């Protein structure tokens, strides 16, 4: 009878380890990324998954933003592909 209890504890212990070391941190990263994406505003400097760095010109409701990657060159980017917000405010002009 004791062998059956030990066989049940091991899979439960394995599930707990997976939850605390893999699933829970991944859910926290997803939540943090969604909060960062939701907080993107005009003038923020962002980096996309493709490695483009640019300044947000317009935030659209459809999950898109317009990013200026060079003077006069604006591209539409899906918000969820933003990996990092570099500067939250516009830099001071000299």
PDB file of N, CA and C in Angstrom:
ATOM      1  N   UNK A   1       0.815  -1.196   0.000  1.00  0.00           N
ATOM      2  CA  UNK A   1       0.000   0.000   0.000  1.00  0.00           C
ATOM      3  C   UNK A   1       0.864   1.268   0.000  1.00  0.00           C
ATOM      4  N   UNK A   2       1.980   1.200   0.699  1.00  0.00           N
ATOM      5  CA  UNK A   2       2.820   2.392   0.757  1.00  0.00           C
ATOM      6  C   UNK A   2       3.471   2.706  -0.581  1.00  0.00           C
ATOM      7  N   UNK A   3       3.694   1.748  -1.415  1.00  0.00           N
ATOM      8  CA  UNK A   3       4.278   1.965  -2.728  1.00  0.00           C
ATOM      9  C   UNK A   3       3.378   2.800  -3.612  1.00  0.00           C
ATOM     10  N   UNK A   4       2.053   2.640  -3.475  1.00  0.00           N
ATOM     11  CA  UNK A   4       1.110   3.405  -4.279  1.00  0.00           C
ATOM     12  C   UNK A   4       1.117   4.877  -3.912  1.00  0.00           C
ATOM     13  N   UNK A   5       1.271   5.193  -2.631  1.00  0.00           N
ATOM     14  CA  UNK A   5       1.320   6.587  -2.191  1.00  0.00           C
ATOM     15  C   UNK A   5       2.563   7.296  -2.692  1.00  0.00           C
ATOM     16  N   UNK A   6       3.663   6.589  -2.696  1.00  0.00           N
ATOM     17  CA  UNK A   6       4.923   7.167  -3.171  1.00  0.00           C
ATOM     18  C   UNK A   6       4.851   7.418  -4.678  1.00  0.00           C
ATOM     19  N   UNK A   7       4.166   6.544  -5.390  1.00  0.00           N
ATOM     20  CA  UNK A   7       4.044   6.720  -6.831  1.00  0.00           C
ATOM     21  C   UNK A   7       3.156   7.916  -7.170  1.00  0.00           C
ATOM     22  N   UNK A   8       2.249   8.264  -6.287  1.00  0.00           N
ATOM     23  CA  UNK A   8       1.361   9.399  -6.510  1.00  0.00           C
ATOM     24  C   UNK A   8       2.033  10.729  -6.142  1.00  0.00           C
ATOM     25  N   UNK A   9       2.904  10.703  -5.158  1.00  0.00           N
ATOM     26  CA  UNK A   9       3.572  11.929  -4.701  1.00  0.00           C
ATOM     27  C   UNK A   9       4.557  12.445  -5.759  1.00  0.00           C
ATOM     28  N   UNK A  10       5.284  11.561  -6.416  1.00  0.00           N
ATOM     29  CA  UNK A  10       6.286  11.991  -7.391  1.00  0.00           C
ATOM     30  C   UNK A  10       5.688  12.805  -8.543  1.00  0.00           C
ATOM     31  N   UNK A  11       4.607  12.351  -9.209  1.00  0.00           N
ATOM     32  CA  UNK A  11       4.032  13.182 -10.283  1.00  0.00           C
ATOM     33  C   UNK A  11       3.481  14.516  -9.770  1.00  0.00           C
ATOM     34  N   UNK A  12       2.897  14.531  -8.586  1.00  0.00           N
ATOM     35  CA  UNK A  12       2.400  15.784  -8.019  1.00  0.00           C
ATOM     36  C   UNK A  12       3.556  16.741  -7.729  1.00  0.00           C
ATOM     37  N   UNK A  13       4.635  16.223  -7.222  1.00  0.00           N
ATOM     38  CA  UNK A  13       5.817  17.039  -6.957  1.00  0.00           C
ATOM     39  C   UNK A  13       6.395  17.589  -8.266  1.00  0.00           C
ATOM     40  N   UNK A  14       6.396  16.755  -9.291  1.00  0.00           N
ATOM     41  CA  UNK A  14       6.890  17.183 -10.598  1.00  0.00           C
ATOM     42  C   UNK A  14       6.020  18.290 -11.181  1.00  0.00           C
ATOM     43  N   UNK A  15       4.706  18.180 -11.038  1.00  0.00           N
ATOM     44  CA  UNK A  15       3.782  19.215 -11.522  1.00  0.00           C
ATOM     45  C   UNK A  15       4.006  20.523 -10.773  1.00  0.00           C
ATOM     46  N   UNK A  16       4.199  20.466  -9.471  1.00  0.00           N
ATOM     47  CA  UNK A  16       4.474  21.677  -8.685  1.00  0.00           C
ATOM     48  C   UNK A  16       5.769  22.347  -9.128  1.00  0.00           C
ATOM     49  N   UNK A  17       6.791  21.557  -9.388  1.00  0.00           N
ATOM     50  CA  UNK A  17       8.073  22.114  -9.836  1.00  0.00           C
ATOM     51  C   UNK A  17       7.898  22.813 -11.181  1.00  0.00           C
ATOM     52  N   UNK A  18       7.198  22.156 -12.117  1.00  0.00           N
ATOM     53  CA  UNK A  18       6.935  22.792 -13.410  1.00  0.00           C
ATOM     54  C   UNK A  18       6.166  24.090 -13.242  1.00  0.00           C
ATOM     55  N   UNK A  19       5.177  24.096 -12.370  1.00  0.00           N
ATOM     56  CA  UNK A  19       4.365  25.299 -12.191  1.00  0.00           C
ATOM     57  C   UNK A  19       5.209  26.459 -11.672  1.00  0.00           C
ATOM     58  N   UNK A  20       5.983  26.229 -10.621  1.00  0.00           N
ATOM     59  CA  UNK A  20       6.718  27.329  -9.993  1.00  0.00           C
ATOM     60  C   UNK A  20       7.951  27.772 -10.773  1.00  0.00           C
ATOM     61  N   UNK A  21       8.555  26.887 -11.540  1.00  0.00           N
ATOM     62  CA  UNK A  21       9.782  27.264 -12.240  1.00  0.00           C
ATOM     63  C   UNK A  21       9.590  27.564 -13.721  1.00  0.00           C
ATOM     64  N   UNK A  22       8.476  27.134 -14.323  1.00  0.00           N
ATOM     65  CA  UNK A  22       8.283  27.360 -15.751  1.00  0.00           C
ATOM     66  C   UNK A  22       7.007  28.144 -16.039  1.00  0.00           C
ATOM     67  N   UNK A  23       5.882  27.640 -15.604  1.00  0.00           N
ATOM     68  CA  UNK A  23       4.597  28.234 -15.975  1.00  0.00           C
ATOM     69  C   UNK A  23       4.383  29.593 -15.319  1.00  0.00           C
ATOM     70  N   UNK A  24       4.591  29.688 -14.034  1.00  0.00           N
ATOM     71  CA  UNK A  24       4.339  30.947 -13.317  1.00  0.00           C
ATOM     72  C   UNK A  24       5.231  32.097 -13.795  1.00  0.00           C
ATOM     73  N   UNK A  25       6.546  31.914 -13.950  1.00  0.00           N
ATOM     74  CA  UNK A  25       7.378  33.016 -14.474  1.00  0.00           C
ATOM     75  C   UNK A  25       6.993  33.429 -15.898  1.00  0.00           C
ATOM     76  N   UNK A  26       6.591  32.451 -16.727  1.00  0.00           N
ATOM     77  CA  UNK A  26       6.189  32.794 -18.086  1.00  0.00           C
ATOM     78  C   UNK A  26       4.912  33.631 -18.072  1.00  0.00           C
ATOM     79  N   UNK A  27       3.977  33.301 -17.210  1.00  0.00           N
ATOM     80  CA  UNK A  27       2.741  34.085 -17.111  1.00  0.00           C
ATOM     81  C   UNK A  27       3.042  35.499 -16.627  1.00  0.00           C
ATOM     82  N   UNK A  28       3.999  35.650 -15.703  1.00  0.00           N
ATOM     83  CA  UNK A  28       4.376  36.979 -15.217  1.00  0.00           C
ATOM     84  C   UNK A  28       5.015  37.804 -16.338  1.00  0.00           C
ATOM     85  N   UNK A  29       5.886  37.181 -17.162  1.00  0.00           N
ATOM     86  CA  UNK A  29       6.495  37.893 -18.290  1.00  0.00           C
ATOM     87  C   UNK A  29       5.446  38.342 -19.293  1.00  0.00           C
ATOM     88  N   UNK A  30       4.464  37.484 -19.575  1.00  0.00           N
ATOM     89  CA  UNK A  30       3.394  37.854 -20.496  1.00  0.00           C
ATOM     90  C   UNK A  30       2.591  39.021 -19.956  1.00  0.00           C
ATOM     91  N   UNK A  31       2.308  39.005 -18.672  1.00  0.00           N
ATOM     92  CA  UNK A  31       1.539  40.084 -18.049  1.00  0.00           C
ATOM     93  C   UNK A  31       2.324  41.403 -18.093  1.00  0.00           C
ATOM     94  N   UNK A  32       3.616  41.337 -17.797  1.00  0.00           N
ATOM     95  CA  UNK A  32       4.465  42.535 -17.844  1.00  0.00           C
ATOM     96  C   UNK A  32       4.564  43.089 -19.261  1.00  0.00           C
ATOM     97  N   UNK A  33       4.699  42.202 -20.261  1.00  0.00           N
ATOM     98  CA  UNK A  33       4.787  42.637 -21.654  1.00  0.00           C
ATOM     99  C   UNK A  33       3.485  43.310 -22.081  1.00  0.00           C
ATOM    100  N   UNK A  34       2.344  42.734 -21.694  1.00  0.00           N
ATOM    101  CA  UNK A  34       1.058  43.321 -22.061  1.00  0.00           C
ATOM    102  C   UNK A  34       0.890  44.701 -21.426  1.00  0.00           C
ATOM    103  N   UNK A  35       1.335  44.865 -20.183  1.00  0.00           N
ATOM    104  CA  UNK A  35       1.258  46.167 -19.519  1.00  0.00           C
ATOM    105  C   UNK A  35       2.146  47.184 -20.230  1.00  0.00           C
ATOM    106  N   UNK A  36       3.349  46.762 -20.665  1.00  0.00           N
ATOM    107  CA  UNK A  36       4.251  47.652 -21.383  1.00  0.00           C
ATOM    108  C   UNK A  36       3.635  48.078 -22.713  1.00  0.00           C
ATOM    109  N   UNK A  37       3.044  47.127 -23.438  1.00  0.00           N
ATOM    110  CA  UNK A  37       2.432  47.426 -24.734  1.00  0.00           C
ATOM    111  C   UNK A  37       1.246  48.365 -24.562  1.00  0.00           C
ATOM    112  N   UNK A  38       0.452  48.140 -23.535  1.00  0.00           N
ATOM    113  CA  UNK A  38      -0.716  48.998 -23.291  1.00  0.00           C
ATOM    114  C   UNK A  38      -0.316  50.425 -22.914  1.00  0.00           C
ATOM    115  N   UNK A  39       0.890  50.601 -22.360  1.00  0.00           N
ATOM    116  CA  UNK A  39       1.340  51.915 -21.905  1.00  0.00           C
ATOM    117  C   UNK A  39       2.082  52.706 -22.989  1.00  0.00           C
ATOM    118  N   UNK A  40       2.222  52.163 -24.185  1.00  0.00           N
ATOM    119  CA  UNK A  40       2.942  52.864 -25.256  1.00  0.00           C
ATOM    120  C   UNK A  40       2.162  54.109 -25.667  1.00  0.00           C
ATOM    121  N   UNK A  41       2.864  55.227 -25.750  1.00  0.00           N
ATOM    122  CA  UNK A  41       2.264  56.515 -26.115  1.00  0.00           C
ATOM    123  C   UNK A  41       3.078  57.155 -27.225  1.00  0.00           C
ATOM    124  N   UNK A  42       2.503  58.175 -27.827  1.00  0.00           N
ATOM    125  CA  UNK A  42       3.178  58.930 -28.886  1.00  0.00           C
ATOM    126  C   UNK A  42       4.453  59.553 -28.319  1.00  0.00           C
ATOM    127  N   UNK A  43       5.543  59.432 -29.047  1.00  0.00           N
ATOM    128  CA  UNK A  43       6.815  60.004 -28.619  1.00  0.00           C
ATOM    129  C   UNK A  43       7.743  58.995 -27.959  1.00  0.00           C
ATOM    130  N   UNK A  44       7.233  57.817 -27.588  1.00  0.00           N
ATOM    131  CA  UNK A  44       8.090  56.792 -26.997  1.00  0.00           C
ATOM    132  C   UNK A  44       9.027  56.227 -28.058  1.00  0.00           C
ATOM    133  N   UNK A  45      10.234  55.915 -27.662  1.00  0.00           N
ATOM    134  CA  UNK A  45      11.173  55.252 -28.561  1.00  0.00           C
ATOM    135  C   UNK A  45      11.100  53.760 -28.252  1.00  0.00           C
ATOM    136  N   UNK A  46      10.879  52.936 -29.292  1.00  0.00           N
ATOM    137  CA  UNK A  46      10.647  51.511 -29.095  1.00  0.00           C
ATOM    138  C   UNK A  46      11.583  50.674 -29.959  1.00  0.00           C
ATOM    139  N   UNK A  47      11.720  49.408 -29.568  1.00  0.00           N
ATOM    140  CA  UNK A  47      12.468  48.422 -30.348  1.00  0.00           C
ATOM    141  C   UNK A  47      11.494  47.293 -30.684  1.00  0.00           C
ATOM    142  N   UNK A  48      11.460  46.902 -31.976  1.00  0.00           N
ATOM    143  CA  UNK A  48      10.574  45.827 -32.406  1.00  0.00           C
ATOM    144  C   UNK A  48      11.309  44.492 -32.360  1.00  0.00           C
ATOM    145  N   UNK A  49      10.567  43.401 -32.532  1.00  0.00           N
ATOM    146  CA  UNK A  49      11.188  42.075 -32.571  1.00  0.00           C
ATOM    147  C   UNK A  49      12.151  41.945 -33.735  1.00  0.00           C
ATOM    148  N   UNK A  50      11.915  42.682 -34.793  1.00  0.00           N
ATOM    149  CA  UNK A  50      12.797  42.641 -35.952  1.00  0.00           C
ATOM    150  C   UNK A  50      14.064  43.458 -35.779  1.00  0.00           C
ATOM    151  N   UNK A  51      14.169  44.191 -34.670  1.00  0.00           N
ATOM    152  CA  UNK A  51      15.365  44.965 -34.399  1.00  0.00           C
ATOM    153  C   UNK A  51      15.292  46.413 -34.845  1.00  0.00           C
ATOM    154  N   UNK A  52      14.128  46.846 -35.331  1.00  0.00           N
ATOM    155  CA  UNK A  52      13.980  48.243 -35.732  1.00  0.00           C
ATOM    156  C   UNK A  52      13.816  49.124 -34.503  1.00  0.00           C
ATOM    157  N   UNK A  53      14.498  50.255 -34.513  1.00  0.00           N
ATOM    158  CA  UNK A  53      14.383  51.233 -33.437  1.00  0.00           C
ATOM    159  C   UNK A  53      13.734  52.464 -34.031  1.00  0.00           C
ATOM    160  N   UNK A  54      12.705  52.959 -33.384  1.00  0.00           N
ATOM    161  CA  UNK A  54      12.032  54.127 -33.915  1.00  0.00           C
ATOM    162  C   UNK A  54      11.187  54.820 -32.872  1.00  0.00           C
ATOM    163  N   UNK A  55      10.612  55.946 -33.286  1.00  0.00           N
ATOM    164  CA  UNK A  55       9.781  56.753 -32.395  1.00  0.00           C
ATOM    165  C   UNK A  55       8.320  56.585 -32.791  1.00  0.00           C
ATOM    166  N   UNK A  56       7.469  56.370 -31.794  1.00  0.00           N
ATOM    167  CA  UNK A  56       6.042  56.182 -32.038  1.00  0.00           C
ATOM    168  C   UNK A  56       5.439  57.506 -32.481  1.00  0.00           C
ATOM    169  N   UNK A  57       4.798  57.500 -33.650  1.00  0.00           N
ATOM    170  CA  UNK A  57       4.156  58.692 -34.183  1.00  0.00           C
ATOM    171  C   UNK A  57       2.653  58.689 -33.914  1.00  0.00           C
ATOM    172  N   UNK A  58       2.043  57.493 -33.934  1.00  0.00           N
ATOM    173  CA  UNK A  58       0.600  57.406 -33.773  1.00  0.00           C
ATOM    174  C   UNK A  58       0.254  56.047 -33.179  1.00  0.00           C
ATOM    175  N   UNK A  59      -0.648  56.034 -32.194  1.00  0.00           N
ATOM    176  CA  UNK A  59      -1.133  54.794 -31.599  1.00  0.00           C
ATOM    177  C   UNK A  59      -2.552  54.581 -32.101  1.00  0.00           C
ATOM    178  N   UNK A  60      -2.788  53.445 -32.769  1.00  0.00           N
ATOM    179  CA  UNK A  60      -4.105  53.143 -33.312  1.00  0.00           C
ATOM    180  C   UNK A  60      -4.834  52.173 -32.380  1.00  0.00           C
ATOM    181  N   UNK A  61      -6.154  52.132 -32.494  1.00  0.00           N
ATOM    182  CA  UNK A  61      -6.956  51.263 -31.642  1.00  0.00           C
ATOM    183  C   UNK A  61      -6.921  49.803 -32.084  1.00  0.00           C
ATOM    184  N   UNK A  62      -6.578  49.528 -33.326  1.00  0.00           N
ATOM    185  CA  UNK A  62      -6.624  48.174 -33.855  1.00  0.00           C
ATOM    186  C   UNK A  62      -5.419  47.326 -33.470  1.00  0.00           C
ATOM    187  N   UNK A  63      -4.655  47.734 -32.485  1.00  0.00           N
ATOM    188  CA  UNK A  63      -3.476  46.969 -32.100  1.00  0.00           C
ATOM    189  C   UNK A  63      -2.260  47.305 -32.927  1.00  0.00           C
ATOM    190  N   UNK A  64      -2.286  48.452 -33.600  1.00  0.00           N
ATOM    191  CA  UNK A  64      -1.157  48.883 -34.419  1.00  0.00           C
ATOM    192  C   UNK A  64      -0.640  50.221 -33.922  1.00  0.00           C
ATOM    193  N   UNK A  65       0.614  50.478 -34.259  1.00  0.00           N
ATOM    194  CA  UNK A  65       1.195  51.798 -34.033  1.00  0.00           C
ATOM    195  C   UNK A  65       1.960  52.185 -35.289  1.00  0.00           C
ATOM    196  N   UNK A  66       2.157  53.473 -35.469  1.00  0.00           N
ATOM    197  CA  UNK A  66       3.005  53.956 -36.559  1.00  0.00           C
ATOM    198  C   UNK A  66       4.316  54.406 -35.937  1.00  0.00           C
ATOM    199  N   UNK A  67       5.407  53.868 -36.460  1.00  0.00           N
ATOM    200  CA  UNK A  67       6.742  54.140 -35.918  1.00  0.00           C
ATOM    201  C   UNK A  67       7.586  54.787 -36.998  1.00  0.00           C
ATOM    202  N   UNK A  68       8.209  55.912 -36.652  1.00  0.00           N
ATOM    203  CA  UNK A  68       9.130  56.582 -37.572  1.00  0.00           C
ATOM    204  C   UNK A  68      10.512  55.985 -37.344  1.00  0.00           C
ATOM    205  N   UNK A  69      11.033  55.290 -38.370  1.00  0.00           N
ATOM    206  CA  UNK A  69      12.341  54.639 -38.234  1.00  0.00           C
ATOM    207  C   UNK A  69      13.469  55.480 -38.816  1.00  0.00           C
ATOM    208  N   UNK A  70      13.127  56.456 -39.641  1.00  0.00           N
ATOM    209  CA  UNK A  70      14.083  57.428 -40.182  1.00  0.00           C
ATOM    210  C   UNK A  70      13.267  58.676 -40.497  1.00  0.00           C
ATOM    211  N   UNK A  71      13.929  59.779 -40.699  1.00  0.00           N
ATOM    212  CA  UNK A  71      13.205  61.013 -40.957  1.00  0.00           C
ATOM    213  C   UNK A  71      12.354  60.863 -42.218  1.00  0.00           C
ATOM    214  N   UNK A  72      11.048  60.972 -42.040  1.00  0.00           N
ATOM    215  CA  UNK A  72      10.121  60.856 -43.149  1.00  0.00           C
ATOM    216  C   UNK A  72       9.734  59.433 -43.523  1.00  0.00           C
ATOM    217  N   UNK A  73      10.267  58.432 -42.820  1.00  0.00           N
ATOM    218  CA  UNK A  73       9.944  57.029 -43.102  1.00  0.00           C
ATOM    219  C   UNK A  73       9.153  56.471 -41.924  1.00  0.00           C
ATOM    220  N   UNK A  74       7.865  56.220 -42.154  1.00  0.00           N
ATOM    221  CA  UNK A  74       6.985  55.717 -41.110  1.00  0.00           C
ATOM    222  C   UNK A  74       6.470  54.343 -41.507  1.00  0.00           C
ATOM    223  N   UNK A  75       6.506  53.399 -40.572  1.00  0.00           N
ATOM    224  CA  UNK A  75       6.003  52.043 -40.817  1.00  0.00           C
ATOM    225  C   UNK A  75       4.920  51.713 -39.799  1.00  0.00           C
ATOM    226  N   UNK A  76       3.979  50.845 -40.225  1.00  0.00           N
ATOM    227  CA  UNK A  76       2.956  50.346 -39.308  1.00  0.00           C
ATOM    228  C   UNK A  76       3.492  49.090 -38.644  1.00  0.00           C
ATOM    229  N   UNK A  77       3.338  49.016 -37.331  1.00  0.00           N
ATOM    230  CA  UNK A  77       3.859  47.890 -36.564  1.00  0.00           C
ATOM    231  C   UNK A  77       2.745  47.369 -35.667  1.00  0.00           C
ATOM    232  N   UNK A  78       2.633  46.055 -35.564  1.00  0.00           N
ATOM    233  CA  UNK A  78       1.687  45.444 -34.627  1.00  0.00           C
ATOM    234  C   UNK A  78       2.234  45.651 -33.211  1.00  0.00           C
ATOM    235  N   UNK A  79       1.383  46.140 -32.313  1.00  0.00           N
ATOM    236  CA  UNK A  79       1.837  46.482 -30.961  1.00  0.00           C
ATOM    237  C   UNK A  79       2.484  45.317 -30.228  1.00  0.00           C
ATOM    238  N   UNK A  80       1.968  44.118 -30.420  1.00  0.00           N
ATOM    239  CA  UNK A  80       2.495  42.971 -29.671  1.00  0.00           C
ATOM    240  C   UNK A  80       3.914  42.599 -30.083  1.00  0.00           C
ATOM    241  N   UNK A  81       4.421  43.140 -31.214  1.00  0.00           N
ATOM    242  CA  UNK A  81       5.785  42.839 -31.634  1.00  0.00           C
ATOM    243  C   UNK A  81       6.810  43.794 -31.032  1.00  0.00           C
ATOM    244  N   UNK A  82       6.368  44.733 -30.209  1.00  0.00           N
ATOM    245  CA  UNK A  82       7.298  45.633 -29.518  1.00  0.00           C
ATOM    246  C   UNK A  82       7.950  44.854 -28.384  1.00  0.00           C
ATOM    247  N   UNK A  83       9.277  44.838 -28.357  1.00  0.00           N
ATOM    248  CA  UNK A  83       9.978  44.095 -27.311  1.00  0.00           C
ATOM    249  C   UNK A  83      10.448  44.989 -26.173  1.00  0.00           C
ATOM    250  N   UNK A  84      10.664  46.271 -26.457  1.00  0.00           N
ATOM    251  CA  UNK A  84      11.204  47.146 -25.412  1.00  0.00           C
ATOM    252  C   UNK A  84      10.837  48.589 -25.707  1.00  0.00           C
ATOM    253  N   UNK A  85      10.543  49.331 -24.649  1.00  0.00           N
ATOM    254  CA  UNK A  85      10.364  50.774 -24.754  1.00  0.00           C
ATOM    255  C   UNK A  85      11.637  51.388 -24.194  1.00  0.00           C
ATOM    256  N   UNK A  86      12.395  52.098 -25.060  1.00  0.00           N
ATOM    257  CA  UNK A  86      13.708  52.626 -24.665  1.00  0.00           C
ATOM    258  C   UNK A  86      13.546  53.924 -23.892  1.00  0.00           C
ATOM    259  N   UNK A  87      12.862  54.904 -24.467  1.00  0.00           N
ATOM    260  CA  UNK A  87      12.662  56.192 -23.826  1.00  0.00           C
ATOM    261  C   UNK A  87      11.183  56.470 -23.737  1.00  0.00           C
ATOM    262  N   UNK A  88      10.714  56.819 -22.544  1.00  0.00           N
ATOM    263  CA  UNK A  88       9.306  57.105 -22.362  1.00  0.00           C
ATOM    264  C   UNK A  88       8.961  58.542 -22.744  1.00  0.00           C
ATOM    265  N   UNK A  89       9.929  59.419 -22.753  1.00  0.00           N
ATOM    266  CA  UNK A  89       9.662  60.826 -23.096  1.00  0.00           C
ATOM    267  C   UNK A  89      10.517  61.221 -24.281  1.00  0.00           C
ATOM    268  N   UNK A  90      10.104  62.286 -24.942  1.00  0.00           N
ATOM    269  CA  UNK A  90      10.886  62.769 -26.071  1.00  0.00           C
ATOM    270  C   UNK A  90      12.179  63.412 -25.550  1.00  0.00           C
ATOM    271  N   UNK A  91      13.300  63.161 -26.219  1.00  0.00           N
ATOM    272  CA  UNK A  91      14.552  63.776 -25.791  1.00  0.00           C
ATOM    273  C   UNK A  91      14.538  65.280 -26.041  1.00  0.00           C
ATOM    274  N   UNK A  92      15.299  66.009 -25.227  1.00  0.00           N
ATOM    275  CA  UNK A  92      15.389  67.454 -25.380  1.00  0.00           C
ATOM    276  C   UNK A  92      16.100  67.797 -26.677  1.00  0.00           C
ATOM    277  N   UNK A  93      15.587  68.776 -27.408  1.00  0.00           N
ATOM    278  CA  UNK A  93      16.195  69.162 -28.692  1.00  0.00           C
ATOM    279  C   UNK A  93      17.268  70.208 -28.438  1.00  0.00           C
ATOM    280  N   UNK A  94      18.385  70.077 -29.157  1.00  0.00           N
ATOM    281  CA  UNK A  94      19.505  71.004 -28.979  1.00  0.00           C
ATOM    282  C   UNK A  94      19.410  72.148 -29.930  1.00  0.00           C
TER     283      UNK A  94
END
